[in-house]
Amino acid sequence: MDLMDFEGEKLYFEESLSPEVEDLLQRAGEMYGDGKAEQPLEQALGLAPESLNVLVAVYRFYYYQHRLEDALNIANVALSVTAQRLNIPLDWKLLNMAHVSQAGPVAMALVRFHLLSLKAKAYLQLRLGQMAEGRAILVKLLELDSHNRLGAKQLLDVAEAVS
């Protein structure tokens, strides 16, 4: 199964948002340079806790603020939301090719989002010094993505080189 085969599917950022949440995300973008974006992002998260748009915005804020623990928490929320939508195990250790194959034909874009969220989790764990878990997730991703479309191999190579 090719993880790049998602043509014609709705992507996460095409999900509709309420005008209030859209306004909060817009304000957060405008306030980012002033360092005051967190409040509207948190409000948006409170109003739309399962919106992938909101989760990505909050994740990016934390990541670029170097708040890696907070970014990891949001990556875990995104994984929970997508696992539930895809009806696949939340525990990445239980995830297998059968799950990806079952969900992929109807929601490949969401499968990719889930796997990229898993890669983000691995990356953050590596940055936080949780090397064994981060590497184990990357190995799992390579099992699920034999063509390395998500780039887990390169990240794993770097992680192994620095340990």
N, C-alpha and C. Protein backbone atom coordinates (compact mmCIF):
# COMPACT_ATOMS: atom_id res chain seq x y z
N MET A 1 0.84 -1.17 0.00
CA MET A 1 0.00 0.00 0.00
C MET A 1 0.88 1.23 0.00
N ASP A 2 0.56 2.16 -0.89
CA ASP A 2 1.35 3.37 -1.03
C ASP A 2 0.71 4.51 -0.23
N LEU A 3 1.43 5.01 0.74
CA LEU A 3 0.90 6.08 1.59
C LEU A 3 0.78 7.42 0.87
N MET A 4 1.23 7.48 -0.37
CA MET A 4 1.09 8.70 -1.15
C MET A 4 -0.18 8.68 -2.00
N ASP A 5 -0.94 7.60 -1.92
CA ASP A 5 -2.14 7.45 -2.74
C ASP A 5 -3.36 7.98 -2.00
N PHE A 6 -3.51 9.30 -1.98
CA PHE A 6 -4.64 9.90 -1.28
C PHE A 6 -5.28 11.00 -2.12
N GLU A 7 -5.10 10.92 -3.41
CA GLU A 7 -5.64 11.93 -4.32
C GLU A 7 -7.16 12.00 -4.21
N GLY A 8 -7.68 13.20 -4.17
CA GLY A 8 -9.11 13.40 -4.14
C GLY A 8 -9.74 13.33 -2.77
N GLU A 9 -8.98 13.01 -1.76
CA GLU A 9 -9.52 12.94 -0.40
C GLU A 9 -9.47 14.31 0.26
N LYS A 10 -10.39 14.51 1.16
CA LYS A 10 -10.41 15.74 1.95
C LYS A 10 -9.23 15.71 2.92
N LEU A 11 -8.50 16.81 3.00
CA LEU A 11 -7.36 16.90 3.89
C LEU A 11 -7.79 17.59 5.19
N TYR A 12 -7.01 17.39 6.24
CA TYR A 12 -7.41 17.87 7.57
C TYR A 12 -7.73 19.36 7.57
N PHE A 13 -6.97 20.15 6.81
CA PHE A 13 -7.17 21.59 6.84
C PHE A 13 -8.39 22.03 6.04
N GLU A 14 -9.06 21.09 5.41
CA GLU A 14 -10.29 21.40 4.69
C GLU A 14 -11.53 21.15 5.55
N GLU A 15 -11.33 20.66 6.78
CA GLU A 15 -12.45 20.47 7.69
C GLU A 15 -13.04 21.82 8.04
N SER A 16 -14.35 21.87 8.14
CA SER A 16 -14.99 23.15 8.48
C SER A 16 -14.85 23.43 9.97
N LEU A 17 -14.76 24.71 10.26
CA LEU A 17 -14.66 25.19 11.64
C LEU A 17 -15.77 26.20 11.87
N SER A 18 -16.17 26.34 13.10
CA SER A 18 -17.16 27.38 13.41
C SER A 18 -16.49 28.73 13.18
N PRO A 19 -17.28 29.75 12.88
CA PRO A 19 -16.70 31.09 12.70
C PRO A 19 -15.92 31.56 13.93
N GLU A 20 -16.39 31.19 15.12
CA GLU A 20 -15.69 31.59 16.34
C GLU A 20 -14.30 30.97 16.42
N VAL A 21 -14.20 29.68 16.09
CA VAL A 21 -12.90 29.01 16.12
C VAL A 21 -12.00 29.56 15.03
N GLU A 22 -12.55 29.80 13.84
CA GLU A 22 -11.75 30.39 12.76
C GLU A 22 -11.19 31.75 13.19
N ASP A 23 -12.03 32.54 13.85
CA ASP A 23 -11.60 33.86 14.32
C ASP A 23 -10.48 33.73 15.35
N LEU A 24 -10.61 32.78 16.25
CA LEU A 24 -9.57 32.58 17.27
C LEU A 24 -8.25 32.17 16.64
N LEU A 25 -8.30 31.30 15.64
CA LEU A 25 -7.07 30.88 14.96
C LEU A 25 -6.46 32.06 14.20
N GLN A 26 -7.30 32.86 13.59
CA GLN A 26 -6.81 34.05 12.88
C GLN A 26 -6.14 35.01 13.86
N ARG A 27 -6.78 35.25 14.99
CA ARG A 27 -6.20 36.15 16.00
C ARG A 27 -4.88 35.60 16.53
N ALA A 28 -4.83 34.29 16.74
CA ALA A 28 -3.58 33.67 17.22
C ALA A 28 -2.46 33.91 16.22
N GLY A 29 -2.77 33.76 14.95
CA GLY A 29 -1.76 34.02 13.92
C GLY A 29 -1.26 35.45 13.94
N GLU A 30 -2.19 36.39 14.13
CA GLU A 30 -1.82 37.80 14.18
C GLU A 30 -1.03 38.14 15.44
N MET A 31 -1.27 37.42 16.53
CA MET A 31 -0.64 37.72 17.81
C MET A 31 0.65 36.92 18.03
N TYR A 32 0.97 36.03 17.12
CA TYR A 32 2.12 35.15 17.33
C TYR A 32 3.41 35.94 17.57
N GLY A 33 3.63 36.96 16.77
CA GLY A 33 4.85 37.76 16.89
C GLY A 33 4.96 38.48 18.22
N ASP A 34 3.84 38.75 18.85
CA ASP A 34 3.83 39.42 20.15
C ASP A 34 3.94 38.43 21.31
N GLY A 35 3.93 37.14 20.99
CA GLY A 35 4.01 36.12 22.03
C GLY A 35 2.71 35.94 22.79
N LYS A 36 1.59 36.42 22.24
CA LYS A 36 0.31 36.35 22.94
C LYS A 36 -0.67 35.39 22.26
N ALA A 37 -0.18 34.51 21.44
CA ALA A 37 -1.04 33.62 20.67
C ALA A 37 -1.61 32.47 21.49
N GLU A 38 -1.03 32.18 22.63
CA GLU A 38 -1.46 31.01 23.38
C GLU A 38 -2.92 31.10 23.84
N GLN A 39 -3.34 32.26 24.30
CA GLN A 39 -4.70 32.39 24.82
C GLN A 39 -5.76 32.08 23.75
N PRO A 40 -5.71 32.69 22.56
CA PRO A 40 -6.72 32.32 21.57
C PRO A 40 -6.60 30.88 21.10
N LEU A 41 -5.40 30.34 21.08
CA LEU A 41 -5.24 28.93 20.71
C LEU A 41 -5.89 28.02 21.75
N GLU A 42 -5.67 28.32 23.02
CA GLU A 42 -6.29 27.52 24.07
C GLU A 42 -7.81 27.63 24.04
N GLN A 43 -8.32 28.83 23.72
CA GLN A 43 -9.77 29.00 23.59
C GLN A 43 -10.30 28.17 22.42
N ALA A 44 -9.58 28.20 21.31
CA ALA A 44 -9.99 27.40 20.14
C ALA A 44 -9.98 25.92 20.49
N LEU A 45 -8.97 25.49 21.22
CA LEU A 45 -8.88 24.09 21.63
C LEU A 45 -10.04 23.72 22.55
N GLY A 46 -10.43 24.62 23.41
CA GLY A 46 -11.57 24.37 24.28
C GLY A 46 -12.88 24.23 23.52
N LEU A 47 -13.01 25.00 22.45
CA LEU A 47 -14.24 24.97 21.64
C LEU A 47 -14.26 23.81 20.65
N ALA A 48 -13.08 23.41 20.17
CA ALA A 48 -13.01 22.36 19.15
C ALA A 48 -11.86 21.41 19.47
N PRO A 49 -11.99 20.64 20.56
CA PRO A 49 -10.87 19.81 21.03
C PRO A 49 -10.49 18.67 20.10
N GLU A 50 -11.35 18.33 19.15
CA GLU A 50 -11.03 17.24 18.22
C GLU A 50 -10.79 17.73 16.80
N SER A 51 -10.69 19.04 16.64
CA SER A 51 -10.41 19.60 15.32
C SER A 51 -8.93 19.44 15.00
N LEU A 52 -8.64 18.78 13.90
CA LEU A 52 -7.24 18.60 13.51
C LEU A 52 -6.60 19.94 13.15
N ASN A 53 -7.39 20.86 12.60
CA ASN A 53 -6.87 22.21 12.33
C ASN A 53 -6.37 22.86 13.61
N VAL A 54 -7.18 22.80 14.63
CA VAL A 54 -6.83 23.42 15.91
C VAL A 54 -5.64 22.69 16.54
N LEU A 55 -5.67 21.37 16.52
CA LEU A 55 -4.57 20.61 17.11
C LEU A 55 -3.25 20.91 16.42
N VAL A 56 -3.26 21.03 15.11
CA VAL A 56 -2.03 21.36 14.38
C VAL A 56 -1.57 22.76 14.76
N ALA A 57 -2.48 23.71 14.84
CA ALA A 57 -2.10 25.08 15.20
C ALA A 57 -1.48 25.13 16.60
N VAL A 58 -2.09 24.45 17.55
CA VAL A 58 -1.58 24.44 18.92
C VAL A 58 -0.23 23.71 18.98
N TYR A 59 -0.14 22.58 18.28
CA TYR A 59 1.13 21.83 18.22
C TYR A 59 2.25 22.72 17.69
N ARG A 60 1.98 23.37 16.57
CA ARG A 60 3.02 24.23 15.97
C ARG A 60 3.43 25.36 16.92
N PHE A 61 2.46 25.95 17.58
CA PHE A 61 2.78 27.01 18.54
C PHE A 61 3.75 26.49 19.59
N TYR A 62 3.38 25.38 20.23
CA TYR A 62 4.24 24.83 21.27
C TYR A 62 5.60 24.43 20.73
N TYR A 63 5.60 23.79 19.57
CA TYR A 63 6.86 23.33 18.99
C TYR A 63 7.79 24.52 18.72
N TYR A 64 7.27 25.54 18.07
CA TYR A 64 8.12 26.68 17.73
C TYR A 64 8.46 27.55 18.94
N GLN A 65 7.75 27.39 20.02
CA GLN A 65 8.10 28.05 21.27
C GLN A 65 9.07 27.18 22.09
N HIS A 66 9.48 26.05 21.54
CA HIS A 66 10.39 25.10 22.18
C HIS A 66 9.79 24.51 23.45
N ARG A 67 8.48 24.41 23.47
CA ARG A 67 7.77 23.78 24.59
C ARG A 67 7.46 22.35 24.17
N LEU A 68 8.49 21.55 24.15
CA LEU A 68 8.39 20.21 23.56
C LEU A 68 7.47 19.28 24.33
N GLU A 69 7.44 19.37 25.63
CA GLU A 69 6.52 18.52 26.43
C GLU A 69 5.07 18.85 26.07
N ASP A 70 4.76 20.14 25.95
CA ASP A 70 3.41 20.55 25.58
C ASP A 70 3.09 20.08 24.15
N ALA A 71 4.04 20.20 23.24
CA ALA A 71 3.83 19.73 21.86
C ALA A 71 3.59 18.23 21.85
N LEU A 72 4.32 17.49 22.68
CA LEU A 72 4.13 16.04 22.77
C LEU A 72 2.73 15.71 23.27
N ASN A 73 2.25 16.45 24.24
CA ASN A 73 0.88 16.23 24.73
C ASN A 73 -0.14 16.43 23.62
N ILE A 74 0.04 17.46 22.81
CA ILE A 74 -0.89 17.72 21.70
C ILE A 74 -0.75 16.64 20.63
N ALA A 75 0.45 16.18 20.35
CA ALA A 75 0.62 15.08 19.39
C ALA A 75 -0.14 13.85 19.87
N ASN A 76 -0.10 13.60 21.18
CA ASN A 76 -0.84 12.46 21.73
C ASN A 76 -2.35 12.64 21.58
N VAL A 77 -2.83 13.86 21.74
CA VAL A 77 -4.26 14.12 21.53
C VAL A 77 -4.62 13.88 20.07
N ALA A 78 -3.79 14.37 19.16
CA ALA A 78 -4.05 14.16 17.72
C ALA A 78 -4.07 12.67 17.39
N LEU A 79 -3.16 11.92 17.98
CA LEU A 79 -3.15 10.46 17.76
C LEU A 79 -4.43 9.81 18.27
N SER A 80 -4.89 10.26 19.42
CA SER A 80 -6.13 9.72 19.98
C SER A 80 -7.32 10.02 19.07
N VAL A 81 -7.41 11.26 18.61
CA VAL A 81 -8.52 11.66 17.74
C VAL A 81 -8.50 10.86 16.44
N THR A 82 -7.34 10.75 15.81
CA THR A 82 -7.28 10.04 14.52
C THR A 82 -7.47 8.54 14.70
N ALA A 83 -6.94 7.98 15.77
CA ALA A 83 -7.15 6.54 16.01
C ALA A 83 -8.63 6.23 16.15
N GLN A 84 -9.33 7.10 16.88
CA GLN A 84 -10.77 6.91 17.06
C GLN A 84 -11.49 7.04 15.72
N ARG A 85 -11.16 8.04 14.93
CA ARG A 85 -11.81 8.23 13.62
C ARG A 85 -11.54 7.06 12.68
N LEU A 86 -10.34 6.51 12.77
CA LEU A 86 -9.96 5.41 11.87
C LEU A 86 -10.34 4.04 12.42
N ASN A 87 -10.76 4.01 13.67
CA ASN A 87 -11.08 2.74 14.34
C ASN A 87 -9.87 1.80 14.35
N ILE A 88 -8.74 2.37 14.76
CA ILE A 88 -7.50 1.61 14.88
C ILE A 88 -7.01 1.76 16.32
N PRO A 89 -6.09 0.89 16.75
CA PRO A 89 -5.60 0.98 18.13
C PRO A 89 -4.87 2.30 18.39
N LEU A 90 -5.10 2.87 19.55
CA LEU A 90 -4.37 4.06 19.95
C LEU A 90 -2.92 3.70 20.29
N ASP A 91 -2.72 2.56 20.90
CA ASP A 91 -1.38 2.12 21.28
C ASP A 91 -0.60 1.78 20.00
N TRP A 92 0.41 2.57 19.69
CA TRP A 92 1.16 2.38 18.46
C TRP A 92 1.81 1.00 18.37
N LYS A 93 2.07 0.39 19.51
CA LYS A 93 2.69 -0.94 19.51
C LYS A 93 1.75 -2.00 18.92
N LEU A 94 0.44 -1.76 19.01
CA LEU A 94 -0.56 -2.70 18.49
C LEU A 94 -0.90 -2.44 17.03
N LEU A 95 -0.50 -1.31 16.51
CA LEU A 95 -0.81 -0.94 15.13
C LEU A 95 -0.05 -1.85 14.18
N ASN A 96 -0.77 -2.36 13.18
CA ASN A 96 -0.11 -3.23 12.21
C ASN A 96 -0.60 -2.92 10.80
N MET A 97 -0.04 -3.60 9.82
CA MET A 97 -0.35 -3.35 8.42
C MET A 97 -1.82 -3.63 8.12
N ALA A 98 -2.42 -4.56 8.82
CA ALA A 98 -3.85 -4.86 8.60
C ALA A 98 -4.70 -3.63 8.94
N HIS A 99 -4.35 -2.94 10.01
CA HIS A 99 -5.08 -1.74 10.38
C HIS A 99 -4.94 -0.66 9.30
N VAL A 100 -3.71 -0.46 8.85
CA VAL A 100 -3.46 0.55 7.81
C VAL A 100 -4.17 0.17 6.52
N SER A 101 -4.11 -1.09 6.16
CA SER A 101 -4.76 -1.56 4.93
C SER A 101 -6.28 -1.42 5.00
N GLN A 102 -6.84 -1.68 6.17
CA GLN A 102 -8.28 -1.58 6.35
C GLN A 102 -8.74 -0.12 6.27
N ALA A 103 -8.03 0.77 6.91
CA ALA A 103 -8.44 2.18 6.95
C ALA A 103 -8.03 2.93 5.69
N GLY A 104 -6.91 2.56 5.10
CA GLY A 104 -6.35 3.30 3.98
C GLY A 104 -7.25 3.54 2.79
N PRO A 105 -7.93 2.53 2.28
CA PRO A 105 -8.73 2.76 1.07
C PRO A 105 -9.84 3.81 1.23
N VAL A 106 -10.33 4.00 2.42
CA VAL A 106 -11.40 4.99 2.62
C VAL A 106 -10.90 6.29 3.23
N ALA A 107 -9.71 6.29 3.82
CA ALA A 107 -9.23 7.49 4.50
C ALA A 107 -7.70 7.56 4.52
N MET A 108 -7.08 7.44 3.36
CA MET A 108 -5.61 7.44 3.32
C MET A 108 -5.03 8.75 3.84
N ALA A 109 -5.67 9.88 3.55
CA ALA A 109 -5.14 11.15 4.05
C ALA A 109 -5.14 11.17 5.58
N LEU A 110 -6.17 10.61 6.19
CA LEU A 110 -6.23 10.56 7.65
C LEU A 110 -5.23 9.55 8.21
N VAL A 111 -5.02 8.45 7.49
CA VAL A 111 -3.99 7.48 7.89
C VAL A 111 -2.63 8.16 7.88
N ARG A 112 -2.34 8.90 6.81
CA ARG A 112 -1.07 9.63 6.73
C ARG A 112 -0.94 10.62 7.88
N PHE A 113 -2.02 11.34 8.18
CA PHE A 113 -1.99 12.30 9.28
C PHE A 113 -1.65 11.56 10.58
N HIS A 114 -2.28 10.42 10.80
CA HIS A 114 -2.03 9.65 12.02
C HIS A 114 -0.56 9.22 12.08
N LEU A 115 -0.06 8.69 10.99
CA LEU A 115 1.33 8.22 10.98
C LEU A 115 2.32 9.38 11.10
N LEU A 116 2.01 10.51 10.50
CA LEU A 116 2.88 11.67 10.66
C LEU A 116 2.83 12.21 12.08
N SER A 117 1.68 12.10 12.72
CA SER A 117 1.58 12.48 14.15
C SER A 117 2.43 11.54 14.99
N LEU A 118 2.45 10.27 14.61
CA LEU A 118 3.28 9.30 15.31
C LEU A 118 4.76 9.63 15.10
N LYS A 119 5.11 10.04 13.90
CA LYS A 119 6.49 10.46 13.63
C LYS A 119 6.85 11.70 14.46
N ALA A 120 5.91 12.63 14.56
CA ALA A 120 6.15 13.83 15.38
C ALA A 120 6.37 13.43 16.84
N LYS A 121 5.57 12.48 17.31
CA LYS A 121 5.74 11.99 18.68
C LYS A 121 7.14 11.40 18.86
N ALA A 122 7.57 10.59 17.90
CA ALA A 122 8.90 9.99 17.98
C ALA A 122 9.98 11.06 18.00
N TYR A 123 9.86 12.04 17.14
CA TYR A 123 10.84 13.11 17.07
C TYR A 123 10.92 13.87 18.40
N LEU A 124 9.77 14.20 18.94
CA LEU A 124 9.75 14.93 20.21
C LEU A 124 10.36 14.09 21.33
N GLN A 125 10.06 12.81 21.33
CA GLN A 125 10.65 11.96 22.35
C GLN A 125 12.17 11.92 22.21
N LEU A 126 12.65 11.86 21.00
CA LEU A 126 14.10 11.89 20.79
C LEU A 126 14.69 13.19 21.33
N ARG A 127 14.04 14.30 21.02
CA ARG A 127 14.52 15.61 21.49
C ARG A 127 14.47 15.71 23.01
N LEU A 128 13.52 15.02 23.62
CA LEU A 128 13.38 15.06 25.08
C LEU A 128 14.24 14.00 25.78
N GLY A 129 15.07 13.30 25.01
CA GLY A 129 15.96 12.31 25.58
C GLY A 129 15.34 10.95 25.80
N GLN A 130 14.14 10.74 25.33
CA GLN A 130 13.46 9.44 25.45
C GLN A 130 13.81 8.61 24.21
N MET A 131 15.08 8.29 24.10
CA MET A 131 15.63 7.71 22.87
C MET A 131 15.04 6.34 22.52
N ALA A 132 14.93 5.46 23.49
CA ALA A 132 14.45 4.10 23.20
C ALA A 132 13.04 4.12 22.63
N GLU A 133 12.15 4.87 23.26
CA GLU A 133 10.76 4.94 22.78
C GLU A 133 10.69 5.62 21.42
N GLY A 134 11.42 6.70 21.24
CA GLY A 134 11.43 7.40 19.95
C GLY A 134 11.91 6.51 18.83
N ARG A 135 12.99 5.79 19.07
CA ARG A 135 13.51 4.87 18.04
C ARG A 135 12.53 3.73 17.78
N ALA A 136 11.91 3.21 18.82
CA ALA A 136 10.96 2.10 18.65
C ALA A 136 9.77 2.54 17.79
N ILE A 137 9.30 3.75 17.98
CA ILE A 137 8.20 4.26 17.15
C ILE A 137 8.65 4.36 15.70
N LEU A 138 9.85 4.84 15.48
CA LEU A 138 10.34 4.96 14.10
C LEU A 138 10.48 3.60 13.43
N VAL A 139 10.91 2.60 14.18
CA VAL A 139 10.99 1.24 13.63
C VAL A 139 9.59 0.76 13.25
N LYS A 140 8.61 1.03 14.10
CA LYS A 140 7.22 0.66 13.80
C LYS A 140 6.74 1.37 12.53
N LEU A 141 7.07 2.65 12.41
CA LEU A 141 6.67 3.39 11.21
C LEU A 141 7.26 2.78 9.95
N LEU A 142 8.49 2.33 10.04
CA LEU A 142 9.12 1.69 8.88
C LEU A 142 8.45 0.36 8.53
N GLU A 143 7.93 -0.34 9.52
CA GLU A 143 7.16 -1.56 9.25
C GLU A 143 5.89 -1.23 8.47
N LEU A 144 5.26 -0.11 8.83
CA LEU A 144 3.99 0.28 8.23
C LEU A 144 4.17 1.03 6.91
N ASP A 145 5.34 1.58 6.70
CA ASP A 145 5.64 2.41 5.53
C ASP A 145 6.91 1.89 4.87
N SER A 146 6.80 0.74 4.22
CA SER A 146 7.98 0.08 3.67
C SER A 146 8.66 0.90 2.57
N HIS A 147 7.94 1.83 1.96
CA HIS A 147 8.53 2.69 0.93
C HIS A 147 9.17 3.95 1.53
N ASN A 148 9.09 4.11 2.85
CA ASN A 148 9.65 5.26 3.57
C ASN A 148 9.12 6.58 3.03
N ARG A 149 7.86 6.61 2.71
CA ARG A 149 7.24 7.83 2.19
C ARG A 149 7.20 8.94 3.24
N LEU A 150 7.21 8.57 4.51
CA LEU A 150 7.11 9.54 5.58
C LEU A 150 8.46 9.99 6.13
N GLY A 151 9.53 9.39 5.64
CA GLY A 151 10.87 9.81 6.04
C GLY A 151 11.33 9.33 7.41
N ALA A 152 10.72 8.29 7.92
CA ALA A 152 11.12 7.79 9.24
C ALA A 152 12.53 7.20 9.23
N LYS A 153 12.95 6.64 8.11
CA LYS A 153 14.28 6.01 8.03
C LYS A 153 15.38 7.04 8.28
N GLN A 154 15.28 8.20 7.66
CA GLN A 154 16.30 9.22 7.84
C GLN A 154 16.37 9.68 9.29
N LEU A 155 15.22 9.83 9.92
CA LEU A 155 15.19 10.25 11.31
C LEU A 155 15.77 9.16 12.21
N LEU A 156 15.44 7.91 11.92
CA LEU A 156 16.00 6.80 12.68
C LEU A 156 17.51 6.73 12.51
N ASP A 157 18.00 6.95 11.29
CA ASP A 157 19.44 6.94 11.06
C ASP A 157 20.15 8.01 11.91
N VAL A 158 19.57 9.19 11.98
CA VAL A 158 20.15 10.26 12.79
C VAL A 158 20.11 9.88 14.27
N ALA A 159 18.97 9.35 14.72
CA ALA A 159 18.83 8.96 16.13
C ALA A 159 19.86 7.91 16.51
N GLU A 160 20.09 6.96 15.62
CA GLU A 160 21.05 5.91 15.92
C GLU A 160 22.48 6.42 15.86
N ALA A 161 22.73 7.39 15.02
CA ALA A 161 24.09 7.95 14.91
C ALA A 161 24.48 8.75 16.15
N VAL A 162 23.50 9.37 16.81
CA VAL A 162 23.83 10.21 17.96
C VAL A 162 23.77 9.44 19.28
N SER A 163 23.29 8.19 19.25
CA SER A 163 23.23 7.47 20.52
C SER A 163 24.47 6.65 20.76
